[in-house]
C-alpha atoms as a PDB file:
ATOM      1  CA  UNK A   1      -9.018 -19.308  29.675  1.00  0.00           C
ATOM      2  CA  UNK A   2      -8.650 -15.497  29.536  1.00  0.00           C
ATOM      3  CA  UNK A   3      -8.592 -13.482  26.338  1.00  0.00           C
ATOM      4  CA  UNK A   4      -4.904 -12.740  27.013  1.00  0.00           C
ATOM      5  CA  UNK A   5      -4.156 -16.451  27.197  1.00  0.00           C
ATOM      6  CA  UNK A   6      -6.178 -16.989  24.029  1.00  0.00           C
ATOM      7  CA  UNK A   7      -4.113 -14.266  22.286  1.00  0.00           C
ATOM      8  CA  UNK A   8      -0.944 -16.294  22.983  1.00  0.00           C
ATOM      9  CA  UNK A   9      -2.584 -19.586  22.064  1.00  0.00           C
ATOM     10  CA  UNK A  10      -3.864 -18.279  18.708  1.00  0.00           C
ATOM     11  CA  UNK A  11      -0.810 -16.110  18.074  1.00  0.00           C
ATOM     12  CA  UNK A  12      -2.458 -12.690  17.702  1.00  0.00           C
ATOM     13  CA  UNK A  13       0.762 -11.215  16.338  1.00  0.00           C
ATOM     14  CA  UNK A  14      -0.978  -8.093  14.916  1.00  0.00           C
ATOM     15  CA  UNK A  15      -1.392  -6.610  18.418  1.00  0.00           C
ATOM     16  CA  UNK A  16       2.325  -5.797  18.324  1.00  0.00           C
ATOM     17  CA  UNK A  17       3.586  -5.927  14.708  1.00  0.00           C
ATOM     18  CA  UNK A  18       1.646  -3.276  12.818  1.00  0.00           C
ATOM     19  CA  UNK A  19       1.708  -0.779  15.723  1.00  0.00           C
ATOM     20  CA  UNK A  20       5.404  -0.174  14.769  1.00  0.00           C
ATOM     21  CA  UNK A  21       5.038  -0.337  10.986  1.00  0.00           C
ATOM     22  CA  UNK A  22       4.613   3.369  10.349  1.00  0.00           C
ATOM     23  CA  UNK A  23       7.771   4.279  12.328  1.00  0.00           C
ATOM     24  CA  UNK A  24       9.734   1.541  10.505  1.00  0.00           C
ATOM     25  CA  UNK A  25       8.447   2.658   7.175  1.00  0.00           C
ATOM     26  CA  UNK A  26       9.560   6.256   7.772  1.00  0.00           C
ATOM     27  CA  UNK A  27      12.969   5.055   8.884  1.00  0.00           C
ATOM     28  CA  UNK A  28      13.292   2.812   5.821  1.00  0.00           C
ATOM     29  CA  UNK A  29      12.303   5.613   3.452  1.00  0.00           C
ATOM     30  CA  UNK A  30      14.788   7.951   5.057  1.00  0.00           C
ATOM     31  CA  UNK A  31      17.549   5.394   4.490  1.00  0.00           C
ATOM     32  CA  UNK A  32      16.543   4.986   0.853  1.00  0.00           C
ATOM     33  CA  UNK A  33      16.451   8.718   0.227  1.00  0.00           C
ATOM     34  CA  UNK A  34      19.830   9.258   1.749  1.00  0.00           C
ATOM     35  CA  UNK A  35      21.237   6.352  -0.265  1.00  0.00           C
ATOM     36  CA  UNK A  36      19.807   7.817  -3.497  1.00  0.00           C
ATOM     37  CA  UNK A  37      21.079  11.297  -2.709  1.00  0.00           C
ATOM     38  CA  UNK A  38      24.604   9.983  -2.182  1.00  0.00           C
ATOM     39  CA  UNK A  39      24.552   7.913  -5.406  1.00  0.00           C
ATOM     40  CA  UNK A  40      25.946   9.068  -8.704  1.00  0.00           C
ATOM     41  CA  UNK A  41      22.359   9.102 -10.122  1.00  0.00           C
ATOM     42  CA  UNK A  42      21.209  11.364  -7.328  1.00  0.00           C
ATOM     43  CA  UNK A  43      24.088  13.773  -7.822  1.00  0.00           C
ATOM     44  CA  UNK A  44      23.345  13.865 -11.542  1.00  0.00           C
ATOM     45  CA  UNK A  45      19.726  14.808 -10.864  1.00  0.00           C
ATOM     46  CA  UNK A  46      20.788  17.520  -8.471  1.00  0.00           C
ATOM     47  CA  UNK A  47      23.194  18.936 -11.130  1.00  0.00           C
ATOM     48  CA  UNK A  48      20.392  19.026 -13.727  1.00  0.00           C
ATOM     49  CA  UNK A  49      18.186  20.944 -11.372  1.00  0.00           C
ATOM     50  CA  UNK A  50      20.917  23.402 -10.432  1.00  0.00           C
ATOM     51  CA  UNK A  51      21.817  24.080 -14.079  1.00  0.00           C
ATOM     52  CA  UNK A  52      18.243  24.598 -15.217  1.00  0.00           C
ATOM     53  CA  UNK A  53      18.259  28.236 -16.444  1.00  0.00           C
ATOM     54  CA  UNK A  54      14.445  28.449 -16.850  1.00  0.00           C
ATOM     55  CA  UNK A  55      13.515  27.636 -13.271  1.00  0.00           C
ATOM     56  CA  UNK A  56      14.955  28.244  -9.867  1.00  0.00           C
ATOM     57  CA  UNK A  57      16.674  25.235  -8.353  1.00  0.00           C
ATOM     58  CA  UNK A  58      14.384  22.948  -6.395  1.00  0.00           C
ATOM     59  CA  UNK A  59      15.415  19.994  -4.291  1.00  0.00           C
ATOM     60  CA  UNK A  60      15.095  16.696  -6.170  1.00  0.00           C
ATOM     61  CA  UNK A  61      14.809  14.729  -2.920  1.00  0.00           C
ATOM     62  CA  UNK A  62      13.800  15.870   0.553  1.00  0.00           C
ATOM     63  CA  UNK A  63      16.534  15.714   3.125  1.00  0.00           C
ATOM     64  CA  UNK A  64      15.886  13.207   5.921  1.00  0.00           C
ATOM     65  CA  UNK A  65      17.845  11.855   8.871  1.00  0.00           C
ATOM     66  CA  UNK A  66      19.238   8.381   8.441  1.00  0.00           C
ATOM     67  CA  UNK A  67      18.789   5.802  11.172  1.00  0.00           C
ATOM     68  CA  UNK A  68      22.275   4.558  11.945  1.00  0.00           C
ATOM     69  CA  UNK A  69      21.711   2.629  15.133  1.00  0.00           C
ATOM     70  CA  UNK A  70      21.029  -0.042  14.167  1.00  0.00           C
ATOM     71  CA  UNK A  71      21.206   0.251  10.378  1.00  0.00           C
ATOM     72  CA  UNK A  72      18.455  -1.409   8.330  1.00  0.00           C
ATOM     73  CA  UNK A  73      19.376  -4.308   6.093  1.00  0.00           C
ATOM     74  CA  UNK A  74      18.111  -4.277   2.520  1.00  0.00           C
ATOM     75  CA  UNK A  75      15.392  -6.825   3.328  1.00  0.00           C
ATOM     76  CA  UNK A  76      14.323  -4.999   6.455  1.00  0.00           C
ATOM     77  CA  UNK A  77      14.105  -1.810   4.483  1.00  0.00           C
ATOM     78  CA  UNK A  78      11.840  -3.203   1.750  1.00  0.00           C
ATOM     79  CA  UNK A  79       9.744  -5.177   4.273  1.00  0.00           C
ATOM     80  CA  UNK A  80       9.070  -2.078   6.333  1.00  0.00           C
ATOM     81  CA  UNK A  81       8.163  -0.040   3.241  1.00  0.00           C
ATOM     82  CA  UNK A  82       5.718  -2.639   1.923  1.00  0.00           C
ATOM     83  CA  UNK A  83       4.067  -4.068   5.077  1.00  0.00           C
ATOM     84  CA  UNK A  84       1.701  -1.147   5.418  1.00  0.00           C
ATOM     85  CA  UNK A  85       0.386  -1.859   1.967  1.00  0.00           C
ATOM     86  CA  UNK A  86       0.062  -5.555   2.844  1.00  0.00           C
ATOM     87  CA  UNK A  87      -2.086  -5.070   5.951  1.00  0.00           C
ATOM     88  CA  UNK A  88      -5.338  -5.736   4.136  1.00  0.00           C
ATOM     89  CA  UNK A  89      -4.006  -8.909   2.524  1.00  0.00           C
ATOM     90  CA  UNK A  90      -2.616 -10.019   5.871  1.00  0.00           C
ATOM     91  CA  UNK A  91      -6.097  -9.505   7.373  1.00  0.00           C
ATOM     92  CA  UNK A  92      -7.753 -11.495   4.557  1.00  0.00           C
ATOM     93  CA  UNK A  93      -5.197 -14.234   5.007  1.00  0.00           C
ATOM     94  CA  UNK A  94      -5.879 -14.619   8.737  1.00  0.00           C
ATOM     95  CA  UNK A  95      -9.659 -14.426   8.166  1.00  0.00           C
ATOM     96  CA  UNK A  96      -9.297 -17.133   5.544  1.00  0.00           C
ATOM     97  CA  UNK A  97      -7.334 -19.303   7.945  1.00  0.00           C
ATOM     98  CA  UNK A  98     -10.306 -19.225  10.316  1.00  0.00           C
ATOM     99  CA  UNK A  99     -12.849 -19.779   7.531  1.00  0.00           C
ATOM    100  CA  UNK A 100     -11.063 -22.770   6.073  1.00  0.00           C
ATOM    101  CA  UNK A 101      -9.684 -24.116   9.365  1.00  0.00           C
ATOM    102  CA  UNK A 102      -6.048 -23.732   8.384  1.00  0.00           C
ATOM    103  CA  UNK A 103      -3.683 -21.049   6.985  1.00  0.00           C
ATOM    104  CA  UNK A 104      -3.081 -21.266   3.243  1.00  0.00           C
ATOM    105  CA  UNK A 105       0.696 -21.522   3.696  1.00  0.00           C
ATOM    106  CA  UNK A 106       0.516 -23.491   6.936  1.00  0.00           C
ATOM    107  CA  UNK A 107       1.641 -20.745   9.238  1.00  0.00           C
ATOM    108  CA  UNK A 108       0.565 -17.206  10.454  1.00  0.00           C
ATOM    109  CA  UNK A 109       1.091 -14.350   8.078  1.00  0.00           C
ATOM    110  CA  UNK A 110       3.832 -12.789  10.162  1.00  0.00           C
ATOM    111  CA  UNK A 111       5.951 -15.944   9.703  1.00  0.00           C
ATOM    112  CA  UNK A 112       5.605 -16.074   5.951  1.00  0.00           C
ATOM    113  CA  UNK A 113       8.516 -15.389   3.649  1.00  0.00           C
ATOM    114  CA  UNK A 114       8.849 -12.041   1.870  1.00  0.00           C
ATOM    115  CA  UNK A 115       7.902 -13.710  -1.418  1.00  0.00           C
ATOM    116  CA  UNK A 116       4.715 -15.179   0.080  1.00  0.00           C
ATOM    117  CA  UNK A 117       3.712 -11.841   1.599  1.00  0.00           C
ATOM    118  CA  UNK A 118       4.308 -10.123  -1.721  1.00  0.00           C
ATOM    119  CA  UNK A 119       2.209 -12.819  -3.487  1.00  0.00           C
ATOM    120  CA  UNK A 120      -0.710 -12.208  -1.154  1.00  0.00           C
ATOM    121  CA  UNK A 121      -0.335  -8.425  -1.499  1.00  0.00           C
ATOM    122  CA  UNK A 122      -0.568  -8.700  -5.278  1.00  0.00           C
ATOM    123  CA  UNK A 123      -3.556 -10.971  -5.023  1.00  0.00           C
ATOM    124  CA  UNK A 124      -5.428  -8.805  -2.554  1.00  0.00           C
ATOM    125  CA  UNK A 125      -4.242  -5.180  -2.915  1.00  0.00           C
ATOM    126  CA  UNK A 126      -5.692  -2.661  -0.501  1.00  0.00           C
ATOM    127  CA  UNK A 127      -8.299  -0.681  -2.457  1.00  0.00           C
ATOM    128  CA  UNK A 128      -7.893   2.183  -0.048  1.00  0.00           C
ATOM    129  CA  UNK A 129      -4.181   2.494  -0.729  1.00  0.00           C
ATOM    130  CA  UNK A 130      -2.811   4.130  -3.846  1.00  0.00           C
ATOM    131  CA  UNK A 131      -2.307   1.621  -6.684  1.00  0.00           C
ATOM    132  CA  UNK A 132       1.078  -0.118  -6.599  1.00  0.00           C
ATOM    133  CA  UNK A 133       1.985   1.345 -10.001  1.00  0.00           C
ATOM    134  CA  UNK A 134       1.253   4.857  -8.766  1.00  0.00           C
ATOM    135  CA  UNK A 135      -0.784   7.750 -10.050  1.00  0.00           C
ATOM    136  CA  UNK A 136       1.815   9.597 -12.103  1.00  0.00           C
ATOM    137  CA  UNK A 137       5.212   9.004 -13.636  1.00  0.00           C
ATOM    138  CA  UNK A 138       7.880  11.650 -14.136  1.00  0.00           C
ATOM    139  CA  UNK A 139      11.067  11.792 -16.124  1.00  0.00           C
ATOM    140  CA  UNK A 140      14.071  14.182 -16.125  1.00  0.00           C
ATOM    141  CA  UNK A 141      15.229  13.069 -19.613  1.00  0.00           C
ATOM    142  CA  UNK A 142      14.031  13.735 -23.139  1.00  0.00           C
ATOM    143  CA  UNK A 143      13.555  10.030 -23.763  1.00  0.00           C
ATOM    144  CA  UNK A 144      10.020   8.840 -24.454  1.00  0.00           C
ATOM    145  CA  UNK A 145       9.808   5.280 -23.083  1.00  0.00           C
ATOM    146  CA  UNK A 146       6.944   3.072 -24.108  1.00  0.00           C
ATOM    147  CA  UNK A 147       4.286   3.387 -21.387  1.00  0.00           C
ATOM    148  CA  UNK A 148       2.704   0.345 -19.686  1.00  0.00           C
ATOM    149  CA  UNK A 149      -0.869  -0.588 -20.688  1.00  0.00           C
ATOM    150  CA  UNK A 150      -3.430   1.930 -19.491  1.00  0.00           C
ATOM    151  CA  UNK A 151      -0.949   4.800 -19.218  1.00  0.00           C
ATOM    152  CA  UNK A 152      -0.739   7.949 -21.385  1.00  0.00           C
ATOM    153  CA  UNK A 153       2.292   8.540 -23.647  1.00  0.00           C
ATOM    154  CA  UNK A 154       4.983  10.446 -21.681  1.00  0.00           C
ATOM    155  CA  UNK A 155       4.934  14.152 -22.548  1.00  0.00           C
ATOM    156  CA  UNK A 156       6.359  17.406 -21.312  1.00  0.00           C
ATOM    157  CA  UNK A 157       3.749  19.495 -19.447  1.00  0.00           C
ATOM    158  CA  UNK A 158       3.832  22.889 -17.786  1.00  0.00           C
ATOM    159  CA  UNK A 159       1.068  24.252 -15.533  1.00  0.00           C
ATOM    160  CA  UNK A 160       0.081  27.862 -15.059  1.00  0.00           C
ATOM    161  CA  UNK A 161       0.423  28.310 -11.310  1.00  0.00           C
ATOM    162  CA  UNK A 162      -1.160  31.780 -11.534  1.00  0.00           C
ATOM    163  CA  UNK A 163      -4.512  30.111 -11.970  1.00  0.00           C
ATOM    164  CA  UNK A 164      -6.528  28.792  -9.049  1.00  0.00           C
ATOM    165  CA  UNK A 165      -6.638  25.076  -8.302  1.00  0.00           C
ATOM    166  CA  UNK A 166     -10.205  24.672  -9.559  1.00  0.00           C
ATOM    167  CA  UNK A 167      -9.179  25.872 -13.054  1.00  0.00           C
ATOM    168  CA  UNK A 168      -6.117  23.746 -13.119  1.00  0.00           C
ATOM    169  CA  UNK A 169      -8.052  20.647 -11.980  1.00  0.00           C
ATOM    170  CA  UNK A 170     -10.730  21.292 -14.675  1.00  0.00           C
ATOM    171  CA  UNK A 171      -8.082  21.621 -17.371  1.00  0.00           C
ATOM    172  CA  UNK A 172      -6.310  18.440 -16.198  1.00  0.00           C
ATOM    173  CA  UNK A 173      -9.543  16.453 -16.207  1.00  0.00           C
ATOM    174  CA  UNK A 174     -10.402  17.697 -19.661  1.00  0.00           C
ATOM    175  CA  UNK A 175      -6.972  16.467 -20.819  1.00  0.00           C
ATOM    176  CA  UNK A 176      -7.561  13.099 -19.130  1.00  0.00           C
ATOM    177  CA  UNK A 177     -10.977  12.773 -20.850  1.00  0.00           C
ATOM    178  CA  UNK A 178      -9.295  13.295 -24.272  1.00  0.00           C
ATOM    179  CA  UNK A 179      -6.682  10.665 -23.450  1.00  0.00           C
ATOM    180  CA  UNK A 180      -9.398   8.194 -22.264  1.00  0.00           C
ATOM    181  CA  UNK A 181     -11.240   8.674 -25.521  1.00  0.00           C
ATOM    182  CA  UNK A 182      -8.050   8.239 -27.550  1.00  0.00           C
ATOM    183  CA  UNK A 183      -7.120   4.983 -25.792  1.00  0.00           C
ATOM    184  CA  UNK A 184     -10.646   3.698 -25.466  1.00  0.00           C
ATOM    185  CA  UNK A 185     -10.430   3.396 -21.677  1.00  0.00           C
ATOM    186  CA  UNK A 186     -13.653   4.466 -19.929  1.00  0.00           C
ATOM    187  CA  UNK A 187     -13.764   6.280 -16.598  1.00  0.00           C
ATOM    188  CA  UNK A 188     -14.342   3.521 -13.997  1.00  0.00           C
ATOM    189  CA  UNK A 189     -17.061   3.910 -11.366  1.00  0.00           C
ATOM    190  CA  UNK A 190     -15.665   5.660  -8.296  1.00  0.00           C
ATOM    191  CA  UNK A 191     -16.648   2.774  -6.043  1.00  0.00           C
ATOM    192  CA  UNK A 192     -15.192   0.047  -8.244  1.00  0.00           C
ATOM    193  CA  UNK A 193     -12.635  -2.021  -6.328  1.00  0.00           C
ATOM    194  CA  UNK A 194     -13.004   0.005  -3.074  1.00  0.00           C
ATOM    195  CA  UNK A 195     -13.900  -1.285   0.302  1.00  0.00           C
ATOM    196  CA  UNK A 196     -17.186   0.050   1.607  1.00  0.00           C
ATOM    197  CA  UNK A 197     -16.226  -0.513   5.260  1.00  0.00           C
ATOM    198  CA  UNK A 198     -13.181  -0.507   7.412  1.00  0.00           C
ATOM    199  CA  UNK A 199     -11.787  -3.849   8.588  1.00  0.00           C
ATOM    200  CA  UNK A 200     -10.508  -4.570  12.111  1.00  0.00           C
ATOM    201  CA  UNK A 201      -8.299  -7.257  13.486  1.00  0.00           C
ATOM    202  CA  UNK A 202     -10.845  -7.582  16.269  1.00  0.00           C
ATOM    203  CA  UNK A 203     -12.988  -9.512  13.795  1.00  0.00           C
ATOM    204  CA  UNK A 204     -10.279 -12.195  13.524  1.00  0.00           C
ATOM    205  CA  UNK A 205     -10.044 -12.306  17.304  1.00  0.00           C
ATOM    206  CA  UNK A 206     -13.775 -12.726  17.640  1.00  0.00           C
ATOM    207  CA  UNK A 207     -13.573 -15.695  15.334  1.00  0.00           C
ATOM    208  CA  UNK A 208     -11.052 -17.333  17.697  1.00  0.00           C
ATOM    209  CA  UNK A 209     -13.130 -16.441  20.722  1.00  0.00           C
ATOM    210  CA  UNK A 210     -16.098 -18.125  19.069  1.00  0.00           C
ATOM    211  CA  UNK A 211     -14.124 -21.147  17.839  1.00  0.00           C
ATOM    212  CA  UNK A 212     -12.590 -21.793  21.286  1.00  0.00           C
ATOM    213  CA  UNK A 213     -15.883 -21.061  23.038  1.00  0.00           C
ATOM    214  CA  UNK A 214     -14.294 -18.498  25.299  1.00  0.00           C
ATOM    215  CA  UNK A 215     -17.659 -16.768  25.500  1.00  0.00           C
ATOM    216  CA  UNK A 216     -20.712 -16.112  23.399  1.00  0.00           C
ATOM    217  CA  UNK A 217     -20.760 -13.272  20.886  1.00  0.00           C
ATOM    218  CA  UNK A 218     -23.366 -10.562  20.996  1.00  0.00           C
ATOM    219  CA  UNK A 219     -25.443  -9.581  17.975  1.00  0.00           C
ATOM    220  CA  UNK A 220     -23.038  -6.820  16.875  1.00  0.00           C
ATOM    221  CA  UNK A 221     -20.001  -9.117  17.146  1.00  0.00           C
ATOM    222  CA  UNK A 222     -21.724 -11.890  15.282  1.00  0.00           C
ATOM    223  CA  UNK A 223     -22.525  -9.463  12.492  1.00  0.00           C
ATOM    224  CA  UNK A 224     -18.913  -8.321  12.297  1.00  0.00           C
ATOM    225  CA  UNK A 225     -17.718 -11.950  12.028  1.00  0.00           C
ATOM    226  CA  UNK A 226     -20.244 -12.690   9.321  1.00  0.00           C
ATOM    227  CA  UNK A 227     -19.263  -9.674   7.281  1.00  0.00           C
ATOM    228  CA  UNK A 228     -15.547 -10.524   7.568  1.00  0.00           C
ATOM    229  CA  UNK A 229     -16.169 -14.045   6.381  1.00  0.00           C
ATOM    230  CA  UNK A 230     -18.278 -12.757   3.484  1.00  0.00           C
ATOM    231  CA  UNK A 231     -15.555 -10.328   2.472  1.00  0.00           C
ATOM    232  CA  UNK A 232     -12.914 -13.043   2.373  1.00  0.00           C
ATOM    233  CA  UNK A 233     -15.194 -15.374   0.300  1.00  0.00           C
ATOM    234  CA  UNK A 234     -15.907 -12.559  -2.096  1.00  0.00           C
ATOM    235  CA  UNK A 235     -12.177 -11.654  -2.396  1.00  0.00           C
ATOM    236  CA  UNK A 236     -11.320 -15.282  -2.932  1.00  0.00           C
ATOM    237  CA  UNK A 237     -13.896 -15.585  -5.706  1.00  0.00           C
ATOM    238  CA  UNK A 238     -12.653 -12.445  -7.468  1.00  0.00           C
ATOM    239  CA  UNK A 239      -9.012 -13.443  -7.206  1.00  0.00           C
END
């Protein structure tokens, strides 16, 4: 059996799927932006910006071409936007299938439902990606909604752009420090929750090569497989 034949036998779907994810995500985002711009809410935001007498009008949303041929369905749009964030959980899912001898949901990740993929993504978020709740929230209204746990109270802020970035960054961090002290939330260690190494789908393939005795693994490949298994077991323990 060749490696190409093993790829079909073990369904190495990632060799095709994620290669197109970035392009799909950009197309999906363009469709969402265009839809928002054409909505009543988008028009209201544009009117607010245009009527602001204190500042020059700035675009609320970037203009972007909309893919019309073929148009994306609502599910295709959301799937394309989220699959890049789900790559790490998909990798852990496939590693776990090899470690345990069977996939958790009985089928490869690519064949899971949208709900199952989302469930795995929430269980194993990619530490390298921005957090799903984002870094900052903005509002164009004077309302002060109750913030979620761990967030500062919404407030109006204005930054002196005549200062250099270092001074602005220092002022922002001083403000963050005061907010942390007020809310009793310490500054987490910079390495907390972050991967210390890059993962590769090749590690999953090497597990199949080893399992099906296609060939022996060298020392480097054996080490990569061991680290991948250890990462899955650690992730499973934490979550």
